[in-house]
Amino acid sequence: MVTDPENLEALSDRIRAAEKKPAATPATESGSGIGFEFGGAIAVCALIGAGLDHWLGTSPWCLIGGAGLGFVAGMVSVWKGLQGPKT
C-alpha cells in the first residue's frame, strides 16, 4: 500500500497523465484494419459465390459475381473508414 505523500503525488500525476491520453484508434481507422476489411469482404463474397457455383453447377459465374460484389462492398467499407467518425 502506498502511504508516502511523495509516492501518492507521483501516482496522482501518472493517473492525470493517463486520463489525458487519447484513446487507442480502432482498427478501422488504421491502414491495416481497412485493408483487412477490404480483403475480407472480397474473400467472403467470393467464397459464397464459389459455394453457389458448386451447388448450382454454374462455375465460374457466381464466383466472379461474388468477387465483384465483395469488391464493391470492400470499397464502401474503405470509403466509410476514411470518412472518419460521424459527429
Protein backbone atom coordinates (compact mmCIF):
# COMPACT_ATOMS: atom_id res chain seq x y z
CA MET A 1 0.00 0.00 0.00
CA VAL A 2 1.29 3.49 -0.87
CA THR A 3 1.35 5.79 2.14
CA ASP A 4 4.27 8.13 1.38
CA PRO A 5 2.90 11.56 0.32
CA GLU A 6 5.51 11.87 -2.45
CA ASN A 7 4.52 8.50 -3.88
CA LEU A 8 0.85 9.45 -3.68
CA GLU A 9 1.53 12.68 -5.54
CA ALA A 10 3.52 10.82 -8.21
CA LEU A 11 0.70 8.32 -8.55
CA SER A 12 -1.84 11.13 -8.90
CA ASP A 13 0.30 12.74 -11.61
CA ARG A 14 0.51 9.45 -13.52
CA ILE A 15 -3.26 8.98 -13.28
CA ARG A 16 -3.90 12.51 -14.58
CA ALA A 17 -1.47 11.94 -17.46
CA ALA A 18 -3.17 8.65 -18.36
CA GLU A 19 -6.59 10.30 -18.35
CA LYS A 20 -5.37 12.95 -20.80
CA LYS A 21 -4.06 10.40 -23.31
CA PRO A 22 -6.30 9.90 -26.34
CA ALA A 23 -7.99 6.55 -26.63
CA ALA A 24 -6.49 4.00 -28.96
CA THR A 25 -7.76 4.23 -32.50
CA PRO A 26 -9.99 1.39 -33.65
CA ALA A 27 -8.71 -1.00 -36.32
CA THR A 28 -10.96 0.58 -38.94
CA GLU A 29 -9.05 3.83 -38.63
CA SER A 30 -5.67 2.24 -39.20
CA GLY A 31 -4.38 1.21 -42.61
CA SER A 32 -4.15 -2.45 -41.74
CA GLY A 33 -7.70 -2.57 -40.37
CA ILE A 34 -9.12 -1.03 -43.52
CA GLY A 35 -7.08 -3.42 -45.66
CA PHE A 36 -8.32 -6.45 -43.74
CA GLU A 37 -11.91 -5.28 -44.11
CA PHE A 38 -11.44 -4.81 -47.85
CA GLY A 39 -9.78 -8.18 -48.36
CA GLY A 40 -12.23 -9.92 -46.04
CA ALA A 41 -15.24 -8.58 -47.94
CA ILE A 42 -13.84 -9.89 -51.23
CA ALA A 43 -12.88 -13.27 -49.73
CA VAL A 44 -16.23 -13.87 -48.01
CA CYS A 45 -18.31 -12.92 -51.05
CA ALA A 46 -16.07 -14.95 -53.38
CA LEU A 47 -16.38 -18.00 -51.11
CA ILE A 48 -20.16 -17.64 -51.07
CA GLY A 49 -20.09 -17.37 -54.87
CA ALA A 50 -17.89 -20.49 -55.14
CA GLY A 51 -20.33 -22.37 -52.91
CA LEU A 52 -23.24 -21.29 -55.09
CA ASP A 53 -21.30 -22.35 -58.19
CA HIS A 54 -20.73 -25.78 -56.70
CA TRP A 55 -24.38 -26.10 -55.69
CA LEU A 56 -25.86 -24.75 -58.93
CA GLY A 57 -23.21 -26.01 -61.35
CA THR A 58 -22.68 -22.56 -62.86
CA SER A 59 -18.90 -22.33 -62.43
CA PRO A 60 -17.29 -19.71 -62.51
CA TRP A 61 -20.09 -17.15 -62.81
CA CYS A 62 -21.23 -16.91 -59.19
CA LEU A 63 -17.59 -16.78 -58.07
CA ILE A 64 -16.93 -13.85 -60.41
CA GLY A 65 -20.14 -12.12 -59.32
CA GLY A 66 -19.35 -12.73 -55.66
CA ALA A 67 -15.84 -11.35 -56.04
CA GLY A 68 -17.25 -8.27 -57.80
CA LEU A 69 -19.84 -7.78 -55.10
CA GLY A 70 -17.13 -8.20 -52.46
CA PHE A 71 -15.00 -5.59 -54.21
CA VAL A 72 -17.87 -3.10 -54.16
CA ALA A 73 -18.65 -3.88 -50.51
CA GLY A 74 -14.96 -3.52 -49.64
CA MET A 75 -14.74 -0.15 -51.39
CA VAL A 76 -17.80 1.07 -49.49
CA SER A 77 -16.14 -0.07 -46.26
CA VAL A 78 -12.89 1.72 -47.15
CA TRP A 79 -14.81 4.88 -48.07
CA LYS A 80 -16.71 4.87 -44.77
CA GLY A 81 -13.49 4.19 -42.87
CA LEU A 82 -11.74 7.12 -44.50
CA GLN A 83 -14.64 9.48 -43.77
CA GLY A 84 -13.97 9.24 -40.04
CA PRO A 85 -16.46 9.01 -37.21
CA LYS A 86 -19.78 10.76 -37.54
CA THR A 87 -20.33 13.52 -35.04
